[in-house]
PDB file of N, CA and C in Angstrom:
ATOM      1  N   MET A   1     172.173 113.443  60.710  1.00  0.00           N
ATOM      2  CA  MET A   1     173.140 113.865  61.700  1.00  0.00           C
ATOM      3  C   MET A   1     173.334 112.699  62.674  1.00  0.00           C
ATOM      4  N   SER A   2     174.581 112.399  63.001  1.00  0.00           N
ATOM      5  CA  SER A   2     174.879 111.279  63.889  1.00  0.00           C
ATOM      6  C   SER A   2     174.742 111.682  65.358  1.00  0.00           C
ATOM      7  N   ILE A   3     174.708 110.674  66.222  1.00  0.00           N
ATOM      8  CA  ILE A   3     174.602 110.907  67.658  1.00  0.00           C
ATOM      9  C   ILE A   3     175.745 111.792  68.139  1.00  0.00           C
ATOM     10  N   ASP A   4     176.953 111.533  67.630  1.00  0.00           N
ATOM     11  CA  ASP A   4     178.126 112.308  68.051  1.00  0.00           C
ATOM     12  C   ASP A   4     177.923 113.802  67.815  1.00  0.00           C
ATOM     13  N   ARG A   5     177.442 114.133  66.645  1.00  0.00           N
ATOM     14  CA  ARG A   5     177.253 115.552  66.305  1.00  0.00           C
ATOM     15  C   ARG A   5     176.120 116.178  67.108  1.00  0.00           C
ATOM     16  N   VAL A   6     175.071 115.420  67.354  1.00  0.00           N
ATOM     17  CA  VAL A   6     173.958 115.941  68.150  1.00  0.00           C
ATOM     18  C   VAL A   6     174.424 116.204  69.577  1.00  0.00           C
ATOM     19  N   VAL A   7     175.203 115.274  70.146  1.00  0.00           N
ATOM     20  CA  VAL A   7     175.714 115.453  71.506  1.00  0.00           C
ATOM     21  C   VAL A   7     176.578 116.702  71.580  1.00  0.00           C
ATOM     22  N   MET A   8     177.481 116.880  70.621  1.00  0.00           N
ATOM     23  CA  MET A   8     178.360 118.050  70.636  1.00  0.00           C
ATOM     24  C   MET A   8     177.565 119.347  70.446  1.00  0.00           C
ATOM     25  N   ALA A   9     176.594 119.343  69.545  1.00  0.00           N
ATOM     26  CA  ALA A   9     175.770 120.534  69.331  1.00  0.00           C
ATOM     27  C   ALA A   9     174.959 120.874  70.578  1.00  0.00           C
ATOM     28  N   PHE A  10     174.397 119.848  71.208  1.00  0.00           N
ATOM     29  CA  PHE A  10     173.612 120.070  72.424  1.00  0.00           C
ATOM     30  C   PHE A  10     174.489 120.599  73.551  1.00  0.00           C
ATOM     31  N   ALA A  11     175.660 119.992  73.733  1.00  0.00           N
ATOM     32  CA  ALA A  11     176.571 120.432  74.789  1.00  0.00           C
ATOM     33  C   ALA A  11     177.007 121.878  74.559  1.00  0.00           C
ATOM     34  N   GLY A  12     177.344 122.212  73.330  1.00  0.00           N
ATOM     35  CA  GLY A  12     177.746 123.584  73.021  1.00  0.00           C
ATOM     36  C   GLY A  12     176.632 124.577  73.281  1.00  0.00           C
ATOM     37  N   THR A  13     175.418 124.211  72.922  1.00  0.00           N
ATOM     38  CA  THR A  13     174.268 125.080  73.149  1.00  0.00           C
ATOM     39  C   THR A  13     174.023 125.303  74.640  1.00  0.00           C
ATOM     40  N   VAL A  14     174.115 124.231  75.422  1.00  0.00           N
ATOM     41  CA  VAL A  14     173.898 124.358  76.863  1.00  0.00           C
ATOM     42  C   VAL A  14     174.986 125.206  77.504  1.00  0.00           C
ATOM     43  N   VAL A  15     176.239 125.023  77.087  1.00  0.00           N
ATOM     44  CA  VAL A  15     177.330 125.824  77.646  1.00  0.00           C
ATOM     45  C   VAL A  15     177.140 127.303  77.316  1.00  0.00           C
ATOM     46  N   LEU A  16     176.819 127.602  76.059  1.00  0.00           N
ATOM     47  CA  LEU A  16     176.606 128.999  75.681  1.00  0.00           C
ATOM     48  C   LEU A  16     175.408 129.607  76.410  1.00  0.00           C
ATOM     49  N   ALA A  17     174.333 128.843  76.548  1.00  0.00           N
ATOM     50  CA  ALA A  17     173.168 129.335  77.285  1.00  0.00           C
ATOM     51  C   ALA A  17     173.524 129.580  78.753  1.00  0.00           C
ATOM     52  N   SER A  18     174.309 128.675  79.325  1.00  0.00           N
ATOM     53  CA  SER A  18     174.735 128.828  80.710  1.00  0.00           C
ATOM     54  C   SER A  18     175.575 130.090  80.893  1.00  0.00           C
ATOM     55  N   LEU A  19     176.482 130.331  79.969  1.00  0.00           N
ATOM     56  CA  LEU A  19     177.301 131.539  80.053  1.00  0.00           C
ATOM     57  C   LEU A  19     176.452 132.797  79.935  1.00  0.00           C
ATOM     58  N   ALA A  20     175.493 132.788  79.016  1.00  0.00           N
ATOM     59  CA  ALA A  20     174.612 133.944  78.862  1.00  0.00           C
ATOM     60  C   ALA A  20     173.767 134.163  80.117  1.00  0.00           C
ATOM     61  N   LEU A  21     173.221 133.089  80.653  1.00  0.00           N
ATOM     62  CA  LEU A  21     172.402 133.208  81.859  1.00  0.00           C
ATOM     63  C   LEU A  21     173.216 133.681  83.055  1.00  0.00           C
ATOM     64  N   SER A  22     174.484 133.281  83.117  1.00  0.00           N
ATOM     65  CA  SER A  22     175.320 133.731  84.237  1.00  0.00           C
ATOM     66  C   SER A  22     175.580 135.230  84.166  1.00  0.00           C
ATOM     67  N   GLN A  23     175.604 135.781  82.962  1.00  0.00           N
ATOM     68  CA  GLN A  23     175.820 137.211  82.808  1.00  0.00           C
ATOM     69  C   GLN A  23     174.534 138.011  83.001  1.00  0.00           C
ATOM     70  N   LEU A  24     173.410 137.421  82.604  1.00  0.00           N
ATOM     71  CA  LEU A  24     172.138 138.131  82.655  1.00  0.00           C
ATOM     72  C   LEU A  24     171.399 137.968  83.980  1.00  0.00           C
ATOM     73  N   HIS A  25     171.612 136.848  84.679  1.00  0.00           N
ATOM     74  CA  HIS A  25     170.809 136.576  85.872  1.00  0.00           C
ATOM     75  C   HIS A  25     171.649 136.321  87.110  1.00  0.00           C
ATOM     76  N   ASP A  26     172.356 135.198  87.123  1.00  0.00           N
ATOM     77  CA  ASP A  26     173.038 134.787  88.344  1.00  0.00           C
ATOM     78  C   ASP A  26     174.299 133.996  87.984  1.00  0.00           C
ATOM     79  N   PRO A  27     175.428 134.302  88.594  1.00  0.00           N
ATOM     80  CA  PRO A  27     176.674 133.589  88.289  1.00  0.00           C
ATOM     81  C   PRO A  27     176.624 132.090  88.599  1.00  0.00           C
ATOM     82  N   ARG A  28     175.667 131.659  89.396  1.00  0.00           N
ATOM     83  CA  ARG A  28     175.569 130.232  89.703  1.00  0.00           C
ATOM     84  C   ARG A  28     175.202 129.390  88.489  1.00  0.00           C
ATOM     85  N   TRP A  29     174.744 130.026  87.399  1.00  0.00           N
ATOM     86  CA  TRP A  29     174.473 129.297  86.166  1.00  0.00           C
ATOM     87  C   TRP A  29     175.746 128.685  85.592  1.00  0.00           C
ATOM     88  N   LEU A  30     176.907 129.166  86.016  1.00  0.00           N
ATOM     89  CA  LEU A  30     178.168 128.603  85.539  1.00  0.00           C
ATOM     90  C   LEU A  30     178.348 127.152  85.984  1.00  0.00           C
ATOM     91  N   TRP A  31     177.664 126.756  87.045  1.00  0.00           N
ATOM     92  CA  TRP A  31     177.718 125.361  87.472  1.00  0.00           C
ATOM     93  C   TRP A  31     177.167 124.428  86.397  1.00  0.00           C
ATOM     94  N   LEU A  32     176.200 124.900  85.636  1.00  0.00           N
ATOM     95  CA  LEU A  32     175.662 124.085  84.539  1.00  0.00           C
ATOM     96  C   LEU A  32     176.727 123.863  83.481  1.00  0.00           C
ATOM     97  N   ALA A  33     177.468 124.905  83.133  1.00  0.00           N
ATOM     98  CA  ALA A  33     178.553 124.757  82.159  1.00  0.00           C
ATOM     99  C   ALA A  33     179.623 123.804  82.688  1.00  0.00           C
ATOM    100  N   ALA A  34     179.926 123.894  83.973  1.00  0.00           N
ATOM    101  CA  ALA A  34     180.911 122.991  84.583  1.00  0.00           C
ATOM    102  C   ALA A  34     180.418 121.545  84.537  1.00  0.00           C
ATOM    103  N   PHE A  35     179.144 121.331  84.788  1.00  0.00           N
ATOM    104  CA  PHE A  35     178.579 119.983  84.733  1.00  0.00           C
ATOM    105  C   PHE A  35     178.679 119.404  83.326  1.00  0.00           C
ATOM    106  N   VAL A  36     178.341 120.204  82.326  1.00  0.00           N
ATOM    107  CA  VAL A  36     178.402 119.731  80.943  1.00  0.00           C
ATOM    108  C   VAL A  36     179.848 119.401  80.564  1.00  0.00           C
ATOM    109  N   GLY A  37     180.772 120.265  80.951  1.00  0.00           N
ATOM    110  CA  GLY A  37     182.185 120.006  80.664  1.00  0.00           C
ATOM    111  C   GLY A  37     182.687 118.747  81.336  1.00  0.00           C
ATOM    112  N   ALA A  38     182.317 118.538  82.588  1.00  0.00           N
ATOM    113  CA  ALA A  38     182.727 117.328  83.307  1.00  0.00           C
ATOM    114  C   ALA A  38     182.123 116.079  82.672  1.00  0.00           C
ATOM    115  N   ASN A  39     180.884 116.172  82.234  1.00  0.00           N
ATOM    116  CA  ASN A  39     180.246 115.035  81.583  1.00  0.00           C
ATOM    117  C   ASN A  39     180.936 114.704  80.261  1.00  0.00           C
ATOM    118  N   LEU A  40     181.286 115.712  79.478  1.00  0.00           N
ATOM    119  CA  LEU A  40     182.014 115.469  78.230  1.00  0.00           C
ATOM    120  C   LEU A  40     183.379 114.847  78.500  1.00  0.00           C
ATOM    121  N   PHE A  41     184.038 115.305  79.550  1.00  0.00           N
ATOM    122  CA  PHE A  41     185.358 114.779  79.911  1.00  0.00           C
ATOM    123  C   PHE A  41     185.273 113.300  80.288  1.00  0.00           C
ATOM    124  N   GLN A  42     184.313 112.948  81.128  1.00  0.00           N
ATOM    125  CA  GLN A  42     184.201 111.545  81.518  1.00  0.00           C
ATOM    126  C   GLN A  42     183.739 110.674  80.350  1.00  0.00           C
ATOM    127  N   ALA A  43     182.908 111.213  79.468  1.00  0.00           N
ATOM    128  CA  ALA A  43     182.449 110.447  78.308  1.00  0.00           C
ATOM    129  C   ALA A  43     183.596 110.142  77.352  1.00  0.00           C
ATOM    130  N   ALA A  44     184.588 111.011  77.312  1.00  0.00           N
ATOM    131  CA  ALA A  44     185.747 110.768  76.453  1.00  0.00           C
ATOM    132  C   ALA A  44     186.511 109.527  76.896  1.00  0.00           C
ATOM    133  N   PHE A  45     186.500 109.242  78.186  1.00  0.00           N
ATOM    134  CA  PHE A  45     187.246 108.095  78.706  1.00  0.00           C
ATOM    135  C   PHE A  45     186.390 106.846  78.876  1.00  0.00           C
ATOM    136  N   THR A  46     185.121 107.025  79.248  1.00  0.00           N
ATOM    137  CA  THR A  46     184.277 105.869  79.540  1.00  0.00           C
ATOM    138  C   THR A  46     183.352 105.484  78.400  1.00  0.00           C
ATOM    139  N   GLY A  47     183.035 106.437  77.524  1.00  0.00           N
ATOM    140  CA  GLY A  47     182.080 106.170  76.456  1.00  0.00           C
ATOM    141  C   GLY A  47     180.636 106.236  76.921  1.00  0.00           C
ATOM    142  N   PHE A  48     180.410 106.556  78.195  1.00  0.00           N
ATOM    143  CA  PHE A  48     179.054 106.643  78.740  1.00  0.00           C
ATOM    144  C   PHE A  48     178.544 108.075  78.641  1.00  0.00           C
ATOM    145  N   CYS A  49     177.424 108.247  77.952  1.00  0.00           N
ATOM    146  CA  CYS A  49     176.798 109.559  77.820  1.00  0.00           C
ATOM    147  C   CYS A  49     175.281 109.366  77.864  1.00  0.00           C
ATOM    148  N   PRO A  50     174.626 109.892  78.900  1.00  0.00           N
ATOM    149  CA  PRO A  50     173.172 109.715  79.008  1.00  0.00           C
ATOM    150  C   PRO A  50     172.409 110.244  77.782  1.00  0.00           C
ATOM    151  N   LEU A  51     172.823 111.375  77.247  1.00  0.00           N
ATOM    152  CA  LEU A  51     172.139 111.920  76.067  1.00  0.00           C
ATOM    153  C   LEU A  51     172.278 110.978  74.875  1.00  0.00           C
ATOM    154  N   ALA A  52     173.438 110.364  74.709  1.00  0.00           N
ATOM    155  CA  ALA A  52     173.643 109.427  73.599  1.00  0.00           C
ATOM    156  C   ALA A  52     172.710 108.226  73.716  1.00  0.00           C
ATOM    157  N   ILE A  53     172.476 107.772  74.942  1.00  0.00           N
ATOM    158  CA  ILE A  53     171.568 106.646  75.161  1.00  0.00           C
ATOM    159  C   ILE A  53     170.146 107.027  74.750  1.00  0.00           C
ATOM    160  N   VAL A  54     169.721 108.219  75.144  1.00  0.00           N
ATOM    161  CA  VAL A  54     168.374 108.692  74.784  1.00  0.00           C
ATOM    162  C   VAL A  54     168.253 108.841  73.268  1.00  0.00           C
ATOM    163  N   LEU A  55     169.253 109.432  72.647  1.00  0.00           N
ATOM    164  CA  LEU A  55     169.209 109.633  71.193  1.00  0.00           C
ATOM    165  C   LEU A  55     169.184 108.308  70.440  1.00  0.00           C
ATOM    166  N   LYS A  56     169.920 107.323  70.937  1.00  0.00           N
ATOM    167  CA  LYS A  56     169.931 106.007  70.300  1.00  0.00           C
ATOM    168  C   LYS A  56     168.541 105.384  70.358  1.00  0.00           C
ATOM    169  N   ARG A  57     167.869 105.527  71.511  1.00  0.00           N
ATOM    170  CA  ARG A  57     166.512 104.987  71.655  1.00  0.00           C
ATOM    171  C   ARG A  57     165.518 105.715  70.758  1.00  0.00           C
ATOM    172  N   LEU A  58     165.816 106.989  70.458  1.00  0.00           N
ATOM    173  CA  LEU A  58     164.936 107.760  69.577  1.00  0.00           C
ATOM    174  C   LEU A  58     165.199 107.489  68.099  1.00  0.00           C
ATOM    175  N   GLY A  59     166.229 106.683  67.818  1.00  0.00           N
ATOM    176  CA  GLY A  59     166.481 106.280  66.439  1.00  0.00           C
ATOM    177  C   GLY A  59     167.485 107.117  65.674  1.00  0.00           C
ATOM    178  N   VAL A  60     168.225 107.973  66.357  1.00  0.00           N
ATOM    179  CA  VAL A  60     169.267 108.760  65.694  1.00  0.00           C
ATOM    180  C   VAL A  60     170.396 107.810  65.329  1.00  0.00           C
ATOM    181  N   LYS A  61     170.948 107.964  64.128  1.00  0.00           N
ATOM    182  CA  LYS A  61     171.979 107.018  63.678  1.00  0.00           C
ATOM    183  C   LYS A  61     173.250 107.161  64.505  1.00  0.00           C
ATOM    184  N   PRO A  62     173.867 106.029  64.820  1.00  0.00           N
ATOM    185  CA  PRO A  62     175.083 106.073  65.638  1.00  0.00           C
ATOM    186  C   PRO A  62     176.259 106.676  64.879  1.00  0.00           C
ATOM    187  N   GLY A  63     177.216 107.182  65.641  1.00  0.00           N
ATOM    188  CA  GLY A  63     178.431 107.718  65.057  1.00  0.00           C
ATOM    189  C   GLY A  63     179.621 106.867  65.473  1.00  0.00           C
ATOM    190  N   GLN A  64     180.794 107.472  65.505  1.00  0.00           N
ATOM    191  CA  GLN A  64     181.998 106.755  65.854  1.00  0.00           C
ATOM    192  C   GLN A  64     182.179 106.645  67.375  1.00  0.00           C
ATOM    193  N   ALA A  65     181.906 107.710  68.100  1.00  0.00           N
ATOM    194  CA  ALA A  65     182.178 107.724  69.537  1.00  0.00           C
ATOM    195  C   ALA A  65     181.101 106.991  70.334  1.00  0.00           C
ATOM    196  N   PHE A  66     179.853 107.234  70.019  1.00  0.00           N
ATOM    197  CA  PHE A  66     178.754 106.636  70.765  1.00  0.00           C
ATOM    198  C   PHE A  66     177.984 105.700  69.835  1.00  0.00           C
ATOM    199  N   ALA A  67     178.358 104.448  69.845  1.00  0.00           N
ATOM    200  CA  ALA A  67     177.726 103.472  68.935  1.00  0.00           C
ATOM    201  C   ALA A  67     176.516 102.837  69.557  1.00  0.00           C
TER     202      ALA A  67
END
């Protein structure tokens, strides 16, 4: 699995978990989903993604977006 796919899978998981937590515990968990969305948005333009940097150091093969 490439870095790109891991980043997308991780982001999707965090967003879904945030939505579930906002319904089960506290609506402020939606801020986590907003943060993940904003990070994905800026990464689309800048190519900078902290998770991609960590995954690259861990030896995950690069993809097209995060080389």
